[in-house]
Amino acid sequence: MLRSLLEDRFRLKLHRETKESPVYALVPAKGGPKVKLSADQASSSDVNGPSPAGAAGPNHGAFRFGPGSMIGNAVTLALFAKFLSQRLDRVVIDKTNLSGRFDIQLQWAPDIGENPLDLGGHTIPLADSSRPSIFAPVQEQLGLRLESAKDPVEVLVIDYVEQPTAN
């Protein structure tokens, strides 16, 4: 609906393209991963239909956010990578080769370049700045590491746009 409105009012023309771009690869750190498999390998949304309020979506478990903290219950590492992508200046790709659902707890201080929004787009209050940035806690608390890499990423390319038409 929004797309048709933009196409109509702004004469917007765009296409998707895959470009090689800087990313972060989420990989196991030295010493191995410390993430714990969840007892709930079929998240509540798998069993009971639609996800409850605060859940990350169907079949994804749930996240809870606070100032500089995140708790994930029965979440996949692919979804955790999406969470990290929303806070950093690059896309994060899960390259851990770990499957299943995990219970994850993470505490950090927002870095420059981090987007302080939850998955619903709501602002998260600033955290205690005495905590380390998100990179160190991912490694220390979860036994995972964010490694710079280049990978194909899908981007939207605007081909044409003009001033909106009058009502």
C-alpha atoms as a PDB file:
ATOM      1  CA  MET A   1       0.000   0.000   0.000  1.00  0.00           C
ATOM      2  CA  LEU A   2       2.800   2.427   0.921  1.00  0.00           C
ATOM      3  CA  ARG A   3       4.751   1.457  -2.159  1.00  0.00           C
ATOM      4  CA  SER A   4       1.791   2.185  -4.471  1.00  0.00           C
ATOM      5  CA  LEU A   5       1.285   5.559  -2.717  1.00  0.00           C
ATOM      6  CA  LEU A   6       4.951   6.493  -3.255  1.00  0.00           C
ATOM      7  CA  GLU A   7       4.840   5.341  -6.867  1.00  0.00           C
ATOM      8  CA  ASP A   8       1.670   7.345  -7.494  1.00  0.00           C
ATOM      9  CA  ARG A   9       2.466  10.593  -5.630  1.00  0.00           C
ATOM     10  CA  PHE A  10       6.230  10.805  -6.251  1.00  0.00           C
ATOM     11  CA  ARG A  11       6.425   8.828  -9.525  1.00  0.00           C
ATOM     12  CA  LEU A  12       8.970   6.731  -7.675  1.00  0.00           C
ATOM     13  CA  LYS A  13      10.797   4.122  -9.730  1.00  0.00           C
ATOM     14  CA  LEU A  14      13.251   1.790  -8.035  1.00  0.00           C
ATOM     15  CA  HIS A  15      14.805  -1.617  -8.346  1.00  0.00           C
ATOM     16  CA  ARG A  16      16.707  -4.064  -6.147  1.00  0.00           C
ATOM     17  CA  GLU A  17      20.349  -4.785  -6.789  1.00  0.00           C
ATOM     18  CA  THR A  18      22.988  -6.940  -5.140  1.00  0.00           C
ATOM     19  CA  LYS A  19      26.275  -5.167  -4.405  1.00  0.00           C
ATOM     20  CA  GLU A  20      29.470  -6.250  -2.691  1.00  0.00           C
ATOM     21  CA  SER A  21      29.511  -4.260   0.526  1.00  0.00           C
ATOM     22  CA  PRO A  22      31.284  -4.109   3.901  1.00  0.00           C
ATOM     23  CA  VAL A  23      29.492  -6.305   6.454  1.00  0.00           C
ATOM     24  CA  TYR A  24      30.160  -7.876   9.819  1.00  0.00           C
ATOM     25  CA  ALA A  25      30.296 -11.662   9.939  1.00  0.00           C
ATOM     26  CA  LEU A  26      29.072 -13.137  13.226  1.00  0.00           C
ATOM     27  CA  VAL A  27      31.502 -16.005  13.885  1.00  0.00           C
ATOM     28  CA  PRO A  28      32.542 -18.116  16.902  1.00  0.00           C
ATOM     29  CA  ALA A  29      35.302 -16.466  18.975  1.00  0.00           C
ATOM     30  CA  LYS A  30      38.452 -18.209  20.197  1.00  0.00           C
ATOM     31  CA  GLY A  31      37.447 -20.554  22.974  1.00  0.00           C
ATOM     32  CA  GLY A  32      34.140 -21.320  21.268  1.00  0.00           C
ATOM     33  CA  PRO A  33      30.601 -20.022  21.617  1.00  0.00           C
ATOM     34  CA  LYS A  34      29.108 -19.460  25.078  1.00  0.00           C
ATOM     35  CA  VAL A  35      25.493 -19.120  23.921  1.00  0.00           C
ATOM     36  CA  LYS A  36      23.132 -21.559  25.606  1.00  0.00           C
ATOM     37  CA  LEU A  37      20.631 -23.646  23.679  1.00  0.00           C
ATOM     38  CA  SER A  38      17.113 -22.784  24.763  1.00  0.00           C
ATOM     39  CA  ALA A  39      14.986 -25.467  26.380  1.00  0.00           C
ATOM     40  CA  ASP A  40      12.276 -24.180  24.018  1.00  0.00           C
ATOM     41  CA  GLN A  41      13.446 -25.333  20.574  1.00  0.00           C
ATOM     42  CA  ALA A  42       9.923 -24.735  19.199  1.00  0.00           C
ATOM     43  CA  SER A  43       9.227 -21.113  20.209  1.00  0.00           C
ATOM     44  CA  SER A  44       5.811 -20.291  21.676  1.00  0.00           C
ATOM     45  CA  SER A  45       4.775 -18.850  18.323  1.00  0.00           C
ATOM     46  CA  ASP A  46       5.448 -22.253  16.673  1.00  0.00           C
ATOM     47  CA  VAL A  47       2.998 -23.965  19.002  1.00  0.00           C
ATOM     48  CA  ASN A  48       0.385 -21.324  19.757  1.00  0.00           C
ATOM     49  CA  GLY A  49      -0.051 -19.502  16.452  1.00  0.00           C
ATOM     50  CA  PRO A  50       0.679 -15.757  16.244  1.00  0.00           C
ATOM     51  CA  SER A  51       3.458 -14.329  18.391  1.00  0.00           C
ATOM     52  CA  PRO A  52       2.559 -12.609  21.649  1.00  0.00           C
ATOM     53  CA  ALA A  53       3.224  -8.887  22.149  1.00  0.00           C
ATOM     54  CA  GLY A  54       6.962  -8.230  22.337  1.00  0.00           C
ATOM     55  CA  ALA A  55       7.812 -11.294  20.255  1.00  0.00           C
ATOM     56  CA  ALA A  56      10.085 -10.965  17.265  1.00  0.00           C
ATOM     57  CA  GLY A  57       7.605 -12.606  14.899  1.00  0.00           C
ATOM     58  CA  PRO A  58       6.299 -16.006  13.932  1.00  0.00           C
ATOM     59  CA  ASN A  59       8.745 -18.826  14.649  1.00  0.00           C
ATOM     60  CA  HIS A  60      11.386 -16.506  16.095  1.00  0.00           C
ATOM     61  CA  GLY A  61      11.097 -16.479  19.891  1.00  0.00           C
ATOM     62  CA  ALA A  62      11.088 -13.133  21.714  1.00  0.00           C
ATOM     63  CA  PHE A  63      13.372 -10.189  22.523  1.00  0.00           C
ATOM     64  CA  ARG A  64      13.168  -7.792  25.471  1.00  0.00           C
ATOM     65  CA  PHE A  65      15.133  -4.549  25.398  1.00  0.00           C
ATOM     66  CA  GLY A  66      16.310  -2.131  28.043  1.00  0.00           C
ATOM     67  CA  PRO A  67      18.901   0.627  28.196  1.00  0.00           C
ATOM     68  CA  GLY A  68      21.999  -1.077  26.783  1.00  0.00           C
ATOM     69  CA  SER A  69      20.626  -4.552  27.317  1.00  0.00           C
ATOM     70  CA  MET A  70      18.871  -7.268  25.356  1.00  0.00           C
ATOM     71  CA  ILE A  71      17.398 -10.592  26.408  1.00  0.00           C
ATOM     72  CA  GLY A  72      16.463 -13.072  23.712  1.00  0.00           C
ATOM     73  CA  ASN A  73      14.470 -16.190  24.511  1.00  0.00           C
ATOM     74  CA  ALA A  74      14.434 -19.059  22.007  1.00  0.00           C
ATOM     75  CA  VAL A  75      15.905 -16.917  19.191  1.00  0.00           C
ATOM     76  CA  THR A  76      17.935 -18.072  16.217  1.00  0.00           C
ATOM     77  CA  LEU A  77      21.372 -16.590  15.627  1.00  0.00           C
ATOM     78  CA  ALA A  78      20.135 -15.364  12.225  1.00  0.00           C
ATOM     79  CA  LEU A  79      17.562 -13.224  14.051  1.00  0.00           C
ATOM     80  CA  PHE A  80      20.214 -12.087  16.531  1.00  0.00           C
ATOM     81  CA  ALA A  81      22.335 -10.993  13.523  1.00  0.00           C
ATOM     82  CA  LYS A  82      19.371  -8.887  12.292  1.00  0.00           C
ATOM     83  CA  PHE A  83      19.150  -7.327  15.770  1.00  0.00           C
ATOM     84  CA  LEU A  84      22.857  -6.408  15.565  1.00  0.00           C
ATOM     85  CA  SER A  85      22.400  -5.025  12.024  1.00  0.00           C
ATOM     86  CA  GLN A  86      19.868  -2.538  13.365  1.00  0.00           C
ATOM     87  CA  ARG A  87      22.402  -1.206  15.873  1.00  0.00           C
ATOM     88  CA  LEU A  88      25.509  -1.061  13.732  1.00  0.00           C
ATOM     89  CA  ASP A  89      26.513   0.749  10.563  1.00  0.00           C
ATOM     90  CA  ARG A  90      26.662  -2.502   8.542  1.00  0.00           C
ATOM     91  CA  VAL A  91      24.637  -5.598   7.848  1.00  0.00           C
ATOM     92  CA  VAL A  92      25.554  -8.497  10.160  1.00  0.00           C
ATOM     93  CA  ILE A  93      25.545 -11.985   8.618  1.00  0.00           C
ATOM     94  CA  ASP A  94      25.319 -15.134  10.754  1.00  0.00           C
ATOM     95  CA  LYS A  95      28.304 -17.307   9.833  1.00  0.00           C
ATOM     96  CA  THR A  96      28.434 -19.275  13.086  1.00  0.00           C
ATOM     97  CA  ASN A  97      27.077 -22.519  11.574  1.00  0.00           C
ATOM     98  CA  LEU A  98      25.171 -22.961  14.857  1.00  0.00           C
ATOM     99  CA  SER A  99      21.569 -24.093  14.478  1.00  0.00           C
ATOM    100  CA  GLY A 100      18.745 -24.118  16.945  1.00  0.00           C
ATOM    101  CA  ARG A 101      17.256 -21.542  19.285  1.00  0.00           C
ATOM    102  CA  PHE A 102      19.272 -19.828  21.976  1.00  0.00           C
ATOM    103  CA  ASP A 103      18.669 -17.857  25.168  1.00  0.00           C
ATOM    104  CA  ILE A 104      20.854 -14.767  24.868  1.00  0.00           C
ATOM    105  CA  GLN A 105      21.596 -12.004  27.385  1.00  0.00           C
ATOM    106  CA  LEU A 106      23.740  -9.071  26.325  1.00  0.00           C
ATOM    107  CA  GLN A 107      24.704  -5.800  28.061  1.00  0.00           C
ATOM    108  CA  TRP A 108      26.632  -2.971  26.384  1.00  0.00           C
ATOM    109  CA  ALA A 109      26.941   0.815  26.004  1.00  0.00           C
ATOM    110  CA  PRO A 110      25.777   2.198  22.636  1.00  0.00           C
ATOM    111  CA  ASP A 111      28.614   3.019  20.236  1.00  0.00           C
ATOM    112  CA  ILE A 112      28.756   5.851  17.730  1.00  0.00           C
ATOM    113  CA  GLY A 113      27.078   4.374  14.660  1.00  0.00           C
ATOM    114  CA  GLU A 114      24.648   2.281  16.700  1.00  0.00           C
ATOM    115  CA  ASN A 115      20.979   2.893  16.119  1.00  0.00           C
ATOM    116  CA  PRO A 116      19.267   2.982  19.539  1.00  0.00           C
ATOM    117  CA  LEU A 117      15.969   1.468  18.318  1.00  0.00           C
ATOM    118  CA  ASP A 118      14.289  -1.815  19.157  1.00  0.00           C
ATOM    119  CA  LEU A 119      12.986  -4.173  16.451  1.00  0.00           C
ATOM    120  CA  GLY A 120       9.673  -2.270  16.484  1.00  0.00           C
ATOM    121  CA  GLY A 121      11.438   1.039  15.732  1.00  0.00           C
ATOM    122  CA  HIS A 122      10.962   2.483  19.232  1.00  0.00           C
ATOM    123  CA  THR A 123      13.754   4.528  20.818  1.00  0.00           C
ATOM    124  CA  ILE A 124      15.731   2.768  23.548  1.00  0.00           C
ATOM    125  CA  PRO A 125      16.986   5.090  26.331  1.00  0.00           C
ATOM    126  CA  LEU A 126      20.756   5.592  26.473  1.00  0.00           C
ATOM    127  CA  ALA A 127      22.640   3.072  28.580  1.00  0.00           C
ATOM    128  CA  ASP A 128      25.197   3.486  31.303  1.00  0.00           C
ATOM    129  CA  SER A 129      28.263   4.623  29.334  1.00  0.00           C
ATOM    130  CA  SER A 130      30.625   2.766  31.700  1.00  0.00           C
ATOM    131  CA  ARG A 131      29.674  -0.493  29.936  1.00  0.00           C
ATOM    132  CA  PRO A 132      31.788  -1.576  26.957  1.00  0.00           C
ATOM    133  CA  SER A 133      30.603  -1.076  23.357  1.00  0.00           C
ATOM    134  CA  ILE A 134      28.617  -3.904  21.745  1.00  0.00           C
ATOM    135  CA  PHE A 135      31.664  -5.541  20.095  1.00  0.00           C
ATOM    136  CA  ALA A 136      33.425  -6.610  23.309  1.00  0.00           C
ATOM    137  CA  PRO A 137      30.282  -7.957  25.063  1.00  0.00           C
ATOM    138  CA  VAL A 138      29.339 -10.059  22.030  1.00  0.00           C
ATOM    139  CA  GLN A 139      32.727 -11.745  22.362  1.00  0.00           C
ATOM    140  CA  GLU A 140      33.034 -11.856  26.163  1.00  0.00           C
ATOM    141  CA  GLN A 141      29.429 -12.664  27.064  1.00  0.00           C
ATOM    142  CA  LEU A 142      28.412 -14.830  24.091  1.00  0.00           C
ATOM    143  CA  GLY A 143      31.675 -16.289  22.779  1.00  0.00           C
ATOM    144  CA  LEU A 144      30.943 -14.831  19.340  1.00  0.00           C
ATOM    145  CA  ARG A 145      32.868 -12.238  17.342  1.00  0.00           C
ATOM    146  CA  LEU A 146      31.968  -9.547  14.806  1.00  0.00           C
ATOM    147  CA  GLU A 147      34.530  -9.738  12.015  1.00  0.00           C
ATOM    148  CA  SER A 148      34.804  -7.209   9.160  1.00  0.00           C
ATOM    149  CA  ALA A 149      34.172  -8.773   5.761  1.00  0.00           C
ATOM    150  CA  LYS A 150      32.754  -8.061   2.325  1.00  0.00           C
ATOM    151  CA  ASP A 151      29.650  -9.864   1.143  1.00  0.00           C
ATOM    152  CA  PRO A 152      26.856  -9.414  -1.398  1.00  0.00           C
ATOM    153  CA  VAL A 153      24.066  -7.255   0.103  1.00  0.00           C
ATOM    154  CA  GLU A 154      20.698  -6.437  -1.448  1.00  0.00           C
ATOM    155  CA  VAL A 155      20.123  -2.674  -1.819  1.00  0.00           C
ATOM    156  CA  LEU A 156      17.296  -0.528  -3.197  1.00  0.00           C
ATOM    157  CA  VAL A 157      18.321   1.784  -6.041  1.00  0.00           C
ATOM    158  CA  ILE A 158      16.123   4.801  -6.794  1.00  0.00           C
ATOM    159  CA  ASP A 159      15.903   5.242 -10.556  1.00  0.00           C
ATOM    160  CA  TYR A 160      13.529   8.201 -10.607  1.00  0.00           C
ATOM    161  CA  VAL A 161      11.587  10.427  -8.195  1.00  0.00           C
ATOM    162  CA  GLU A 162       9.899  13.819  -8.531  1.00  0.00           C
ATOM    163  CA  GLN A 163       8.049  16.369  -6.375  1.00  0.00           C
ATOM    164  CA  PRO A 164       4.699  15.013  -5.141  1.00  0.00           C
ATOM    165  CA  THR A 165       1.578  15.845  -7.085  1.00  0.00           C
ATOM    166  CA  ALA A 166      -1.011  18.198  -5.557  1.00  0.00           C
ATOM    167  CA  ASN A 167      -3.969  16.676  -3.715  1.00  0.00           C
END
